[in-house]
Protein backbone atom coordinates (compact mmCIF):
# COMPACT_ATOMS: atom_id res chain seq x y z
CA UNK A 1 19.07 4.10 -3.55
CA UNK A 2 15.97 5.23 -1.38
CA UNK A 3 12.54 5.67 -2.40
CA UNK A 4 10.62 8.61 -0.44
CA UNK A 5 7.19 7.01 -0.97
CA UNK A 6 7.61 3.77 0.67
CA UNK A 7 4.86 2.81 2.81
CA UNK A 8 5.81 2.14 6.47
CA UNK A 9 4.40 -0.92 8.54
CA UNK A 10 2.26 1.58 10.44
CA UNK A 11 1.04 3.40 7.26
CA UNK A 12 0.02 -0.09 5.71
CA UNK A 13 -1.80 -1.01 9.15
CA UNK A 14 -3.65 2.33 9.30
CA UNK A 15 -4.54 2.27 5.51
CA UNK A 16 -8.51 1.72 5.07
CA UNK A 17 -9.29 3.76 1.96
CA UNK A 18 -10.16 1.30 -0.88
CA UNK A 19 -7.95 1.37 -4.00
CA UNK A 20 -4.39 1.01 -4.90
CA UNK A 21 -1.83 2.71 -2.83
CA UNK A 22 1.84 3.02 -4.32
CA UNK A 23 4.86 1.79 -2.61
CA UNK A 24 7.55 2.51 -5.27
CA UNK A 25 9.01 0.34 -8.21
CA UNK A 26 5.74 -0.74 -9.35
CA UNK A 27 4.62 -2.35 -5.91
CA UNK A 28 1.25 -1.52 -4.74
CA UNK A 29 -0.98 -2.10 -1.53
CA UNK A 30 -4.42 -2.93 -2.61
CA UNK A 31 -7.25 -2.30 -0.26
CA UNK A 32 -10.53 -3.68 -0.94
CA UNK A 33 -13.94 -2.67 -0.02
CA UNK A 34 -14.00 -5.26 2.77
CA UNK A 35 -10.70 -3.79 4.17
CA UNK A 36 -8.70 -6.82 2.99
CA UNK A 37 -5.18 -5.97 1.88
CA UNK A 38 -2.77 -7.50 -0.63
CA UNK A 39 0.34 -6.54 -2.40
CA UNK A 40 0.58 -6.27 -6.19
CA UNK A 41 3.38 -6.00 -8.33
């Protein structure tokens, strides 16, 4: 099974907009106001 909305490594590197960005199957990349990034499940 392939998720069409997965974030690529390049997309993760370029994301700067604060908020939660979905990667599929309840996995999100959280970008903080400071620019710090973390994964949430």
